[in-house]
PDB file of N, CA and C in Angstrom:
ATOM      1  N   VAL A   1     102.104  77.232  89.571  1.00  0.00           N
ATOM      2  CA  VAL A   1     100.936  78.017  89.773  1.00  0.00           C
ATOM      3  C   VAL A   1     100.625  79.021  88.839  1.00  0.00           C
ATOM      4  N   LEU A   2      99.550  78.946  88.263  1.00  0.00           N
ATOM      5  CA  LEU A   2      99.236  80.040  87.255  1.00  0.00           C
ATOM      6  C   LEU A   2      98.720  81.132  88.092  1.00  0.00           C
ATOM      7  N   ILE A   3      99.262  82.427  87.972  1.00  0.00           N
ATOM      8  CA  ILE A   3      99.031  83.616  89.044  1.00  0.00           C
ATOM      9  C   ILE A   3      97.892  84.610  88.368  1.00  0.00           C
ATOM     10  N   GLY A   4      96.910  84.450  88.533  1.00  0.00           N
ATOM     11  CA  GLY A   4      95.725  85.581  88.321  1.00  0.00           C
ATOM     12  C   GLY A   4      95.423  86.697  89.292  1.00  0.00           C
ATOM     13  N   THR A   5      94.372  87.261  88.905  1.00  0.00           N
ATOM     14  CA  THR A   5      94.294  88.570  89.908  1.00  0.00           C
ATOM     15  C   THR A   5      93.861  88.074  91.036  1.00  0.00           C
ATOM     16  N   GLU A   6      93.033  86.889  91.487  1.00  0.00           N
ATOM     17  CA  GLU A   6      92.723  86.523  92.766  1.00  0.00           C
ATOM     18  C   GLU A   6      93.608  85.411  93.269  1.00  0.00           C
ATOM     19  N   THR A   7      94.428  84.663  92.635  1.00  0.00           N
ATOM     20  CA  THR A   7      95.148  83.524  93.286  1.00  0.00           C
ATOM     21  C   THR A   7      95.483  83.439  94.544  1.00  0.00           C
ATOM     22  N   SER A   8      96.178  84.738  94.886  1.00  0.00           N
ATOM     23  CA  SER A   8      96.680  84.570  96.383  1.00  0.00           C
ATOM     24  C   SER A   8      95.747  84.614  97.399  1.00  0.00           C
ATOM     25  N   GLN A   9      94.689  84.884  96.999  1.00  0.00           N
ATOM     26  CA  GLN A   9      93.338  84.785  97.919  1.00  0.00           C
ATOM     27  C   GLN A   9      92.658  83.869  98.235  1.00  0.00           C
ATOM     28  N   ARG A  10      92.998  82.582  97.211  1.00  0.00           N
ATOM     29  CA  ARG A  10      92.390  81.448  97.166  1.00  0.00           C
ATOM     30  C   ARG A  10      93.025  80.397  98.188  1.00  0.00           C
ATOM     31  N   LYS A  11      92.010  79.901  99.278  1.00  0.00           N
ATOM     32  CA  LYS A  11      92.581  79.108 100.318  1.00  0.00           C
ATOM     33  C   LYS A  11      93.148  77.901  99.643  1.00  0.00           C
ATOM     34  N   TRP A  12      92.334  77.240  98.548  1.00  0.00           N
ATOM     35  CA  TRP A  12      92.620  75.986  97.908  1.00  0.00           C
ATOM     36  C   TRP A  12      94.227  75.905  97.225  1.00  0.00           C
ATOM     37  N   VAL A  13      94.407  77.302  96.646  1.00  0.00           N
ATOM     38  CA  VAL A  13      95.605  77.749  96.235  1.00  0.00           C
ATOM     39  C   VAL A  13      96.591  77.419  97.244  1.00  0.00           C
ATOM     40  N   GLN A  14      96.584  78.257  98.280  1.00  0.00           N
ATOM     41  CA  GLN A  14      97.359  78.276  99.283  1.00  0.00           C
ATOM     42  C   GLN A  14      97.842  76.997  99.929  1.00  0.00           C
ATOM     43  N   TYR A  15      96.451  75.874 100.028  1.00  0.00           N
ATOM     44  CA  TYR A  15      97.087  74.629 100.457  1.00  0.00           C
ATOM     45  C   TYR A  15      97.611  73.861  99.543  1.00  0.00           C
ATOM     46  N   GLU A  16      97.482  73.873  98.358  1.00  0.00           N
ATOM     47  CA  GLU A  16      98.366  73.319  97.484  1.00  0.00           C
ATOM     48  C   GLU A  16      99.647  73.541  97.292  1.00  0.00           C
ATOM     49  N   ILE A  17      99.870  75.018  97.320  1.00  0.00           N
ATOM     50  CA  ILE A  17     101.435  75.496  97.474  1.00  0.00           C
ATOM     51  C   ILE A  17     102.170  74.786  98.759  1.00  0.00           C
ATOM     52  N   LYS A  18     101.411  74.882  99.688  1.00  0.00           N
ATOM     53  CA  LYS A  18     101.991  74.411 101.200  1.00  0.00           C
ATOM     54  C   LYS A  18     102.165  72.916 100.988  1.00  0.00           C
ATOM     55  N   LYS A  19     101.206  72.043 100.327  1.00  0.00           N
ATOM     56  CA  LYS A  19     101.571  70.532 100.288  1.00  0.00           C
ATOM     57  C   LYS A  19     102.586  70.228  99.251  1.00  0.00           C
ATOM     58  N   ALA A  20     102.495  71.014  98.092  1.00  0.00           N
ATOM     59  CA  ALA A  20     103.623  70.617  97.144  1.00  0.00           C
ATOM     60  C   ALA A  20     105.078  70.975  97.996  1.00  0.00           C
ATOM     61  N   TRP A  21     105.337  71.914  98.671  1.00  0.00           N
ATOM     62  CA  TRP A  21     106.592  72.078  99.071  1.00  0.00           C
ATOM     63  C   TRP A  21     106.636  71.140 100.436  1.00  0.00           C
ATOM     64  N   GLU A  22     105.804  70.773 100.963  1.00  0.00           N
ATOM     65  CA  GLU A  22     106.035  69.604 102.042  1.00  0.00           C
ATOM     66  C   GLU A  22     106.256  68.313 101.355  1.00  0.00           C
ATOM     67  N   LYS A  23     106.072  68.165 100.323  1.00  0.00           N
ATOM     68  CA  LYS A  23     106.166  66.950  99.493  1.00  0.00           C
ATOM     69  C   LYS A  23     107.379  66.975  98.490  1.00  0.00           C
ATOM     70  N   GLY A  24     108.041  68.034  98.747  1.00  0.00           N
ATOM     71  CA  GLY A  24     109.369  68.276  97.977  1.00  0.00           C
ATOM     72  C   GLY A  24     109.099  68.419  96.638  1.00  0.00           C
ATOM     73  N   GLU A  25     108.333  68.801  95.965  1.00  0.00           N
ATOM     74  CA  GLU A  25     107.856  69.270  94.674  1.00  0.00           C
ATOM     75  C   GLU A  25     108.438  70.561  94.453  1.00  0.00           C
ATOM     76  N   GLY A  26     108.745  70.763  92.981  1.00  0.00           N
ATOM     77  CA  GLY A  26     109.267  71.996  92.474  1.00  0.00           C
ATOM     78  C   GLY A  26     108.023  72.948  92.214  1.00  0.00           C
ATOM     79  N   LEU A  27     108.414  74.179  92.506  1.00  0.00           N
ATOM     80  CA  LEU A  27     107.373  75.206  92.078  1.00  0.00           C
ATOM     81  C   LEU A  27     107.755  76.171  91.629  1.00  0.00           C
ATOM     82  N   ILE A  28     106.892  76.805  90.561  1.00  0.00           N
ATOM     83  CA  ILE A  28     107.034  77.988  89.822  1.00  0.00           C
ATOM     84  C   ILE A  28     105.920  78.726  89.736  1.00  0.00           C
ATOM     85  N   GLY A  29     105.664  80.153  89.565  1.00  0.00           N
ATOM     86  CA  GLY A  29     104.603  80.727  89.106  1.00  0.00           C
ATOM     87  C   GLY A  29     104.842  81.617  88.024  1.00  0.00           C
ATOM     88  N   ILE A  30     103.476  81.674  87.274  1.00  0.00           N
ATOM     89  CA  ILE A  30     103.576  82.071  86.063  1.00  0.00           C
ATOM     90  C   ILE A  30     102.047  83.162  86.179  1.00  0.00           C
ATOM     91  N   TYR A  31     102.601  84.561  85.915  1.00  0.00           N
ATOM     92  CA  TYR A  31     101.371  85.697  85.828  1.00  0.00           C
ATOM     93  C   TYR A  31     100.564  85.518  84.434  1.00  0.00           C
ATOM     94  N   ILE A  32      99.376  85.260  84.515  1.00  0.00           N
ATOM     95  CA  ILE A  32      98.308  84.962  83.523  1.00  0.00           C
ATOM     96  C   ILE A  32      97.584  86.314  83.174  1.00  0.00           C
ATOM     97  N   HIS A  33      97.796  87.547  83.872  1.00  0.00           N
ATOM     98  CA  HIS A  33      97.057  88.327  83.877  1.00  0.00           C
ATOM     99  C   HIS A  33      96.651  89.326  82.369  1.00  0.00           C
ATOM    100  N   ASN A  34      97.721  89.054  81.660  1.00  0.00           N
ATOM    101  CA  ASN A  34      97.633  89.481  80.081  1.00  0.00           C
ATOM    102  C   ASN A  34      96.944  88.306  79.177  1.00  0.00           C
ATOM    103  N   LEU A  35      96.361  87.262  79.689  1.00  0.00           N
ATOM    104  CA  LEU A  35      95.896  86.371  78.737  1.00  0.00           C
ATOM    105  C   LEU A  35      94.312  87.216  78.768  1.00  0.00           C
ATOM    106  N   LYS A  36      93.756  86.560  77.731  1.00  0.00           N
ATOM    107  CA  LYS A  36      92.114  86.973  77.556  1.00  0.00           C
ATOM    108  C   LYS A  36      91.397  85.790  78.369  1.00  0.00           C
ATOM    109  N   ASP A  37      90.182  86.214  78.979  1.00  0.00           N
ATOM    110  CA  ASP A  37      89.334  85.222  79.404  1.00  0.00           C
ATOM    111  C   ASP A  37      88.365  85.145  78.296  1.00  0.00           C
ATOM    112  N   GLU A  38      87.160  84.420  78.881  1.00  0.00           N
ATOM    113  CA  GLU A  38      86.250  83.915  77.756  1.00  0.00           C
ATOM    114  C   GLU A  38      85.543  85.186  77.298  1.00  0.00           C
ATOM    115  N   ASN A  39      85.467  86.291  77.828  1.00  0.00           N
ATOM    116  CA  ASN A  39      84.846  87.641  77.473  1.00  0.00           C
ATOM    117  C   ASN A  39      85.868  88.494  76.681  1.00  0.00           C
ATOM    118  N   SER A  40      87.094  88.007  76.490  1.00  0.00           N
ATOM    119  CA  SER A  40      88.221  88.647  75.623  1.00  0.00           C
ATOM    120  C   SER A  40      88.562  89.761  76.596  1.00  0.00           C
ATOM    121  N   ASN A  41      88.370  89.638  77.979  1.00  0.00           N
ATOM    122  CA  ASN A  41      88.957  90.754  78.543  1.00  0.00           C
ATOM    123  C   ASN A  41      90.320  90.180  79.418  1.00  0.00           C
ATOM    124  N   GLN A  42      91.175  91.243  79.611  1.00  0.00           N
ATOM    125  CA  GLN A  42      92.354  90.880  80.389  1.00  0.00           C
ATOM    126  C   GLN A  42      92.469  91.372  81.811  1.00  0.00           C
ATOM    127  N   ALA A  43      92.795  90.673  82.707  1.00  0.00           N
ATOM    128  CA  ALA A  43      92.690  90.841  84.297  1.00  0.00           C
ATOM    129  C   ALA A  43      93.698  91.946  84.588  1.00  0.00           C
ATOM    130  N   ILE A  44      93.917  92.467  85.864  1.00  0.00           N
ATOM    131  CA  ILE A  44      94.640  93.205  86.350  1.00  0.00           C
ATOM    132  C   ILE A  44      95.540  91.861  87.179  1.00  0.00           C
ATOM    133  N   LYS A  45      96.980  92.299  87.395  1.00  0.00           N
ATOM    134  CA  LYS A  45      98.025  91.435  87.651  1.00  0.00           C
ATOM    135  C   LYS A  45      97.574  91.279  89.166  1.00  0.00           C
ATOM    136  N   GLY A  46      97.575  89.990  89.586  1.00  0.00           N
ATOM    137  CA  GLY A  46      97.540  89.472  90.854  1.00  0.00           C
ATOM    138  C   GLY A  46      98.728  89.698  91.638  1.00  0.00           C
ATOM    139  N   ARG A  47      98.579  89.412  92.870  1.00  0.00           N
ATOM    140  CA  ARG A  47      99.909  89.419  93.998  1.00  0.00           C
ATOM    141  C   ARG A  47     100.319  88.144  94.250  1.00  0.00           C
ATOM    142  N   ASN A  48     101.670  87.858  94.218  1.00  0.00           N
ATOM    143  CA  ASN A  48     102.425  86.718  94.263  1.00  0.00           C
ATOM    144  C   ASN A  48     102.064  85.997  95.520  1.00  0.00           C
ATOM    145  N   PRO A  49     101.459  84.637  95.185  1.00  0.00           N
ATOM    146  CA  PRO A  49     100.851  83.910  96.380  1.00  0.00           C
ATOM    147  C   PRO A  49     102.054  83.332  97.173  1.00  0.00           C
ATOM    148  N   PHE A  50     103.377  83.355  96.701  1.00  0.00           N
ATOM    149  CA  PHE A  50     104.491  82.669  97.672  1.00  0.00           C
ATOM    150  C   PHE A  50     104.665  83.781  98.535  1.00  0.00           C
ATOM    151  N   ASN A  51     104.483  84.808  98.450  1.00  0.00           N
ATOM    152  CA  ASN A  51     104.842  86.096  99.651  1.00  0.00           C
ATOM    153  C   ASN A  51     103.914  85.668 100.661  1.00  0.00           C
ATOM    154  N   LEU A  52     103.094  84.669 100.933  1.00  0.00           N
ATOM    155  CA  LEU A  52     102.296  84.439 102.127  1.00  0.00           C
ATOM    156  C   LEU A  52     102.974  83.131 102.760  1.00  0.00           C
ATOM    157  N   PHE A  53     104.166  82.954 102.563  1.00  0.00           N
ATOM    158  CA  PHE A  53     104.767  81.648 103.082  1.00  0.00           C
ATOM    159  C   PHE A  53     106.379  81.992 103.484  1.00  0.00           C
ATOM    160  N   LYS A  54     106.494  81.188 104.752  1.00  0.00           N
ATOM    161  CA  LYS A  54     108.129  81.352 104.917  1.00  0.00           C
ATOM    162  C   LYS A  54     108.790  79.936 104.879  1.00  0.00           C
ATOM    163  N   ILE A  55     109.908  79.927 104.504  1.00  0.00           N
ATOM    164  CA  ILE A  55     110.609  78.666 104.663  1.00  0.00           C
ATOM    165  C   ILE A  55     111.881  79.080 105.550  1.00  0.00           C
ATOM    166  N   GLY A  56     111.633  78.533 106.809  1.00  0.00           N
ATOM    167  CA  GLY A  56     112.622  78.953 107.931  1.00  0.00           C
ATOM    168  C   GLY A  56     112.545  80.261 108.099  1.00  0.00           C
ATOM    169  N   GLU A  57     113.489  81.122 107.902  1.00  0.00           N
ATOM    170  CA  GLU A  57     113.462  82.739 108.072  1.00  0.00           C
ATOM    171  C   GLU A  57     113.383  83.304 106.488  1.00  0.00           C
ATOM    172  N   LYS A  58     113.276  82.562 105.466  1.00  0.00           N
ATOM    173  CA  LYS A  58     113.093  83.265 104.125  1.00  0.00           C
ATOM    174  C   LYS A  58     111.835  83.254 103.949  1.00  0.00           C
ATOM    175  N   ASN A  59     111.495  83.934 103.023  1.00  0.00           N
ATOM    176  CA  ASN A  59     110.179  84.272 102.276  1.00  0.00           C
ATOM    177  C   ASN A  59     110.274  83.262 101.032  1.00  0.00           C
ATOM    178  N   MET A  60     109.132  82.510 100.811  1.00  0.00           N
ATOM    179  CA  MET A  60     109.155  81.757  99.797  1.00  0.00           C
ATOM    180  C   MET A  60     109.322  82.549  98.495  1.00  0.00           C
ATOM    181  N   ALA A  61     108.780  83.647  98.258  1.00  0.00           N
ATOM    182  CA  ALA A  61     108.866  84.482  97.384  1.00  0.00           C
ATOM    183  C   ALA A  61     110.237  84.632  96.778  1.00  0.00           C
ATOM    184  N   ASP A  62     111.273  84.542  97.725  1.00  0.00           N
ATOM    185  CA  ASP A  62     112.678  84.833  97.390  1.00  0.00           C
ATOM    186  C   ASP A  62     113.170  83.386  97.054  1.00  0.00           C
ATOM    187  N   ILE A  63     112.613  82.472  96.998  1.00  0.00           N
ATOM    188  CA  ILE A  63     113.113  81.126  96.588  1.00  0.00           C
ATOM    189  C   ILE A  63     112.362  80.582  95.226  1.00  0.00           C
ATOM    190  N   VAL A  64     111.046  80.671  95.142  1.00  0.00           N
ATOM    191  CA  VAL A  64     110.416  80.189  93.991  1.00  0.00           C
ATOM    192  C   VAL A  64     110.417  81.168  92.817  1.00  0.00           C
ATOM    193  N   LYS A  65     110.628  80.920  91.630  1.00  0.00           N
ATOM    194  CA  LYS A  65     111.035  81.629  90.760  1.00  0.00           C
ATOM    195  C   LYS A  65     109.256  82.322  90.080  1.00  0.00           C
ATOM    196  N   VAL A  66     109.277  83.358  89.850  1.00  0.00           N
ATOM    197  CA  VAL A  66     107.825  83.487  89.131  1.00  0.00           C
ATOM    198  C   VAL A  66     107.919  84.622  88.005  1.00  0.00           C
ATOM    199  N   TYR A  67     107.580  83.826  86.767  1.00  0.00           N
ATOM    200  CA  TYR A  67     107.708  84.598  85.560  1.00  0.00           C
ATOM    201  C   TYR A  67     106.325  85.451  85.362  1.00  0.00           C
ATOM    202  N   ASP A  68     106.869  86.572  84.516  1.00  0.00           N
ATOM    203  CA  ASP A  68     105.734  87.326  84.171  1.00  0.00           C
ATOM    204  C   ASP A  68     106.195  87.620  82.639  1.00  0.00           C
ATOM    205  N   PRO A  69     105.479  86.685  81.861  1.00  0.00           N
ATOM    206  CA  PRO A  69     105.688  87.272  80.360  1.00  0.00           C
ATOM    207  C   PRO A  69     105.562  88.737  79.901  1.00  0.00           C
ATOM    208  N   PRO A  70     106.542  88.987  79.038  1.00  0.00           N
ATOM    209  CA  PRO A  70     106.895  90.385  78.746  1.00  0.00           C
ATOM    210  C   PRO A  70     106.001  91.126  77.554  1.00  0.00           C
ATOM    211  N   TYR A  71     104.801  90.599  77.353  1.00  0.00           N
ATOM    212  CA  TYR A  71     104.087  90.926  76.244  1.00  0.00           C
ATOM    213  C   TYR A  71     102.533  91.395  76.595  1.00  0.00           C
ATOM    214  N   GLN A  72     101.761  92.296  76.173  1.00  0.00           N
ATOM    215  CA  GLN A  72     100.582  92.588  76.550  1.00  0.00           C
ATOM    216  C   GLN A  72      99.546  91.972  75.681  1.00  0.00           C
ATOM    217  N   ILE A  73      99.970  91.432  74.326  1.00  0.00           N
ATOM    218  CA  ILE A  73      98.999  90.960  73.413  1.00  0.00           C
ATOM    219  C   ILE A  73      98.645  89.313  74.081  1.00  0.00           C
ATOM    220  N   SER A  74      97.700  89.326  74.012  1.00  0.00           N
ATOM    221  CA  SER A  74      97.419  87.693  74.781  1.00  0.00           C
ATOM    222  C   SER A  74      97.921  86.601  74.047  1.00  0.00           C
ATOM    223  N   THR A  75      97.906  86.794  72.636  1.00  0.00           N
ATOM    224  CA  THR A  75      98.461  85.641  71.799  1.00  0.00           C
ATOM    225  C   THR A  75      99.903  85.408  72.157  1.00  0.00           C
ATOM    226  N   ASN A  76     100.824  86.836  72.050  1.00  0.00           N
ATOM    227  CA  ASN A  76     101.948  86.420  72.565  1.00  0.00           C
ATOM    228  C   ASN A  76     102.359  86.128  73.557  1.00  0.00           C
ATOM    229  N   VAL A  77     101.647  86.574  74.813  1.00  0.00           N
ATOM    230  CA  VAL A  77     101.746  85.835  76.092  1.00  0.00           C
ATOM    231  C   VAL A  77     101.805  84.341  76.256  1.00  0.00           C
ATOM    232  N   TYR A  78     100.530  83.896  75.693  1.00  0.00           N
ATOM    233  CA  TYR A  78     100.380  82.434  75.463  1.00  0.00           C
ATOM    234  C   TYR A  78     101.641  81.745  74.689  1.00  0.00           C
ATOM    235  N   ASP A  79     101.987  82.394  73.623  1.00  0.00           N
ATOM    236  CA  ASP A  79     103.268  81.675  73.045  1.00  0.00           C
ATOM    237  C   ASP A  79     104.366  81.923  73.781  1.00  0.00           C
ATOM    238  N   HIS A  80     104.551  82.676  74.547  1.00  0.00           N
ATOM    239  CA  HIS A  80     105.804  83.014  75.531  1.00  0.00           C
ATOM    240  C   HIS A  80     105.896  81.879  76.595  1.00  0.00           C
ATOM    241  N   ILE A  81     104.389  81.688  77.207  1.00  0.00           N
ATOM    242  CA  ILE A  81     104.537  80.806  77.899  1.00  0.00           C
ATOM    243  C   ILE A  81     104.579  79.157  77.417  1.00  0.00           C
ATOM    244  N   LYS A  82     104.004  79.108  76.490  1.00  0.00           N
ATOM    245  CA  LYS A  82     104.207  77.687  75.651  1.00  0.00           C
ATOM    246  C   LYS A  82     105.248  77.513  75.375  1.00  0.00           C
ATOM    247  N   ASN A  83     106.095  78.439  74.730  1.00  0.00           N
ATOM    248  CA  ASN A  83     107.570  78.005  74.357  1.00  0.00           C
ATOM    249  C   ASN A  83     108.645  78.017  75.413  1.00  0.00           C
ATOM    250  N   ASN A  84     108.128  78.514  76.805  1.00  0.00           N
ATOM    251  CA  ASN A  84     109.207  78.422  77.969  1.00  0.00           C
ATOM    252  C   ASN A  84     108.617  77.305  79.072  1.00  0.00           C
ATOM    253  N   ILE A  85     107.558  77.001  79.028  1.00  0.00           N
ATOM    254  CA  ILE A  85     107.054  76.360  80.136  1.00  0.00           C
ATOM    255  C   ILE A  85     107.958  75.137  80.441  1.00  0.00           C
ATOM    256  N   GLU A  86     108.409  74.398  79.646  1.00  0.00           N
ATOM    257  CA  GLU A  86     109.066  73.192  79.947  1.00  0.00           C
ATOM    258  C   GLU A  86     110.480  73.464  80.720  1.00  0.00           C
ATOM    259  N   ASN A  87     111.129  74.645  80.227  1.00  0.00           N
ATOM    260  CA  ASN A  87     112.403  74.949  80.981  1.00  0.00           C
ATOM    261  C   ASN A  87     112.085  75.504  82.368  1.00  0.00           C
ATOM    262  N   TRP A  88     110.991  76.168  82.505  1.00  0.00           N
ATOM    263  CA  TRP A  88     110.480  76.930  83.696  1.00  0.00           C
ATOM    264  C   TRP A  88     110.423  75.477  84.960  1.00  0.00           C
ATOM    265  N   VAL A  89     109.845  74.861  83.994  1.00  0.00           N
ATOM    266  CA  VAL A  89     109.272  73.382  85.126  1.00  0.00           C
ATOM    267  C   VAL A  89     110.663  73.021  85.747  1.00  0.00           C
ATOM    268  N   GLU A  90     111.634  72.610  84.553  1.00  0.00           N
ATOM    269  CA  GLU A  90     113.037  72.115  85.049  1.00  0.00           C
ATOM    270  C   GLU A  90     113.596  72.727  85.929  1.00  0.00           C
ATOM    271  N   GLU A  91     113.544  74.476  85.737  1.00  0.00           N
ATOM    272  CA  GLU A  91     114.292  75.261  86.711  1.00  0.00           C
ATOM    273  C   GLU A  91     113.908  75.147  88.059  1.00  0.00           C
ATOM    274  N   GLY A  92     112.368  75.229  88.134  1.00  0.00           N
ATOM    275  CA  GLY A  92     111.717  74.939  89.589  1.00  0.00           C
ATOM    276  C   GLY A  92     112.069  73.596  90.120  1.00  0.00           C
ATOM    277  N   ILE A  93     112.008  72.771  89.701  1.00  0.00           N
ATOM    278  CA  ILE A  93     112.933  71.281  90.113  1.00  0.00           C
ATOM    279  C   ILE A  93     114.012  71.528  90.627  1.00  0.00           C
ATOM    280  N   THR A  94     114.959  72.205  89.794  1.00  0.00           N
ATOM    281  CA  THR A  94     116.243  72.325  90.383  1.00  0.00           C
ATOM    282  C   THR A  94     116.501  73.259  91.275  1.00  0.00           C
ATOM    283  N   ILE A  95     115.457  74.323  91.559  1.00  0.00           N
ATOM    284  CA  ILE A  95     115.554  75.288  92.610  1.00  0.00           C
ATOM    285  C   ILE A  95     115.209  74.154  93.967  1.00  0.00           C
ATOM    286  N   ARG A  96     114.018  73.679  93.792  1.00  0.00           N
ATOM    287  CA  ARG A  96     113.662  73.026  94.536  1.00  0.00           C
ATOM    288  C   ARG A  96     114.448  72.134  95.479  1.00  0.00           C
ATOM    289  N   ASN A  97     115.320  71.190  94.621  1.00  0.00           N
ATOM    290  CA  ASN A  97     116.238  70.093  94.802  1.00  0.00           C
ATOM    291  C   ASN A  97     117.604  71.153  95.566  1.00  0.00           C
ATOM    292  N   LYS A  98     117.633  72.355  95.512  1.00  0.00           N
ATOM    293  CA  LYS A  98     118.723  72.799  96.365  1.00  0.00           C
ATOM    294  C   LYS A  98     118.102  73.550  97.482  1.00  0.00           C
ATOM    295  N   ASN A  99     116.799  73.721  97.997  1.00  0.00           N
ATOM    296  CA  ASN A  99     116.145  74.140  98.892  1.00  0.00           C
ATOM    297  C   ASN A  99     115.485  72.936  99.904  1.00  0.00           C
TER     298      ASN A  99
END
């Protein structure tokens, strides 16, 4: 789940998170607030959408790993995501298989 400013408020994002978990799919989140949009603006950091869900007694945000690239410059953020996303996805699958 790419987490932007309003991602947690989007009903279809919430729907897709719920359905993915029900299907047993791995989930991760990646904050994208430091990537530039089509107008070269950087958005503010959005809320973690996984905080909206419970898995038994646990908050889903305590299970699903969310990554926040440690850079402010858009090109560095993009490169960090590009260079790590494959491993992050694998980690999300591993975490899901344990839960």
